[in-house]
Amino acid sequence: MHDATFLGFHLQFLEYLAQVAAQGMQVSAGDGARVVTAADQEDPVKCALVQQCKQFQRRGPTEQQAWWAYCDSSYSGIRDPSRHDVNSLSNFLALYMDGGAAARSGGGSYV
């Protein structure tokens, strides 16, 4: 069991996380990222694309490296799919998911 001090700190931390989620998070300027807002989290299309990118990466190390290379080459190394916009996610999935041009190439690397 945890003592009252630990539980109090944990509750304060959870309240902080709820505030951040409700207000959106500002990412550092100049890193190629964008502001992640609560609206992004409520967009069912974006949520589905984020999940597809995550599932793609879970296929194996080659797929994970493809995502990383895509992010490094075009998005300043931002590898968190939820920090990409719908266009970026759609482009990646069109290129690399089942039947995409890069997936069909059969090369050792995706990018």
Protein backbone atom coordinates (compact mmCIF):
# COMPACT_ATOMS: atom_id res chain seq x y z
CA MET A 1 0.00 0.00 0.00
CA HIS A 2 1.05 3.57 -0.60
CA ASP A 3 1.10 6.33 1.96
CA ALA A 4 -1.02 9.47 1.75
CA THR A 5 1.90 11.62 0.50
CA PHE A 6 2.52 9.35 -2.46
CA LEU A 7 -1.16 9.16 -3.34
CA GLY A 8 -1.53 12.95 -3.06
CA PHE A 9 1.41 13.50 -5.40
CA HIS A 10 0.05 10.94 -7.84
CA LEU A 11 -3.36 12.64 -7.90
CA GLN A 12 -1.75 16.04 -8.50
CA PHE A 13 0.21 14.58 -11.40
CA LEU A 14 -2.93 13.07 -12.92
CA GLU A 15 -4.71 16.44 -12.61
CA TYR A 16 -1.78 18.08 -14.39
CA LEU A 17 -1.97 15.54 -17.21
CA ALA A 18 -5.70 16.17 -17.56
CA GLN A 19 -5.06 19.92 -17.85
CA VAL A 20 -2.40 19.38 -20.50
CA ALA A 21 -4.70 17.11 -22.49
CA ALA A 22 -7.59 19.58 -22.25
CA GLN A 23 -5.52 22.58 -23.32
CA GLY A 24 -3.29 20.93 -25.90
CA MET A 25 0.48 20.77 -25.71
CA GLN A 26 2.84 23.28 -27.26
CA VAL A 27 5.91 21.63 -28.72
CA SER A 28 9.18 23.48 -29.00
CA ALA A 29 9.40 25.92 -31.89
CA GLY A 30 11.74 25.20 -34.75
CA ASP A 31 11.73 21.41 -34.51
CA GLY A 32 9.30 20.96 -37.39
CA ALA A 33 6.53 19.86 -35.07
CA ARG A 34 3.17 21.47 -34.62
CA VAL A 35 0.89 22.19 -31.73
CA VAL A 36 -1.06 19.13 -30.62
CA THR A 37 -4.52 20.21 -29.59
CA ALA A 38 -7.44 18.48 -27.94
CA ALA A 39 -9.19 18.68 -31.33
CA ASP A 40 -6.47 16.45 -32.81
CA GLN A 41 -7.22 13.83 -30.21
CA GLU A 42 -10.93 13.97 -31.01
CA ASP A 43 -10.50 13.63 -34.79
CA PRO A 44 -11.52 10.04 -35.58
CA VAL A 45 -9.68 10.06 -38.92
CA LYS A 46 -6.42 11.15 -37.34
CA CYS A 47 -6.84 8.68 -34.47
CA ALA A 48 -7.32 5.85 -36.97
CA LEU A 49 -4.24 6.91 -38.96
CA VAL A 50 -2.14 7.15 -35.81
CA GLN A 51 -3.20 3.63 -34.84
CA GLN A 52 -2.39 2.32 -38.33
CA CYS A 53 1.11 3.84 -38.15
CA LYS A 54 1.66 2.28 -34.73
CA GLN A 55 0.44 -1.11 -35.95
CA PHE A 56 2.73 -0.85 -38.97
CA GLN A 57 5.73 -0.24 -36.70
CA ARG A 58 4.81 -3.24 -34.55
CA ARG A 59 5.17 -5.57 -37.54
CA GLY A 60 8.90 -5.66 -37.01
CA PRO A 61 12.20 -3.79 -36.97
CA THR A 62 12.20 -3.19 -40.74
CA GLU A 63 8.83 -1.46 -40.56
CA GLN A 64 9.88 0.55 -37.53
CA GLN A 65 13.01 1.68 -39.36
CA ALA A 66 10.85 2.72 -42.34
CA TRP A 67 8.77 4.99 -40.07
CA TRP A 68 11.90 6.41 -38.44
CA ALA A 69 13.52 7.10 -41.82
CA TYR A 70 10.34 8.80 -43.06
CA CYS A 71 10.26 10.97 -39.95
CA ASP A 72 13.96 11.77 -40.08
CA SER A 73 13.88 12.73 -43.75
CA SER A 74 10.72 14.79 -43.76
CA TYR A 75 9.66 15.71 -40.24
CA SER A 76 12.77 16.64 -38.24
CA GLY A 77 12.91 13.23 -36.58
CA ILE A 78 9.53 13.52 -34.87
CA ARG A 79 8.62 9.86 -34.49
CA ASP A 80 5.44 10.14 -32.44
CA PRO A 81 2.61 9.59 -34.95
CA SER A 82 0.21 11.67 -32.85
CA ARG A 83 2.42 14.71 -33.48
CA HIS A 84 2.04 14.38 -37.25
CA ASP A 85 -0.87 15.84 -39.16
CA VAL A 86 -3.37 13.81 -41.17
CA ASN A 87 -1.58 14.58 -44.44
CA SER A 88 1.76 13.28 -43.17
CA LEU A 89 0.22 10.10 -41.79
CA SER A 90 -1.79 9.49 -44.97
CA ASN A 91 1.30 9.98 -47.14
CA PHE A 92 3.32 7.50 -45.11
CA LEU A 93 0.60 4.88 -45.14
CA ALA A 94 0.04 5.30 -48.88
CA LEU A 95 3.75 4.76 -49.48
CA TYR A 96 4.39 1.85 -47.13
CA MET A 97 1.27 -0.04 -46.20
CA ASP A 98 0.14 -3.13 -48.08
CA GLY A 99 0.61 -2.54 -51.78
CA GLY A 100 2.13 0.95 -51.58
CA ALA A 101 4.90 1.77 -54.06
CA ALA A 102 7.65 1.57 -51.44
CA ALA A 103 6.29 -1.71 -50.05
CA ARG A 104 6.19 -3.21 -53.56
CA SER A 105 9.78 -2.21 -54.32
CA GLY A 106 11.06 -5.06 -52.18
CA GLY A 107 14.22 -3.21 -51.29
CA GLY A 108 16.07 -3.70 -48.05
CA SER A 109 15.01 -0.33 -46.73
CA TYR A 110 11.71 1.45 -47.09
CA VAL A 111 13.10 4.94 -47.60
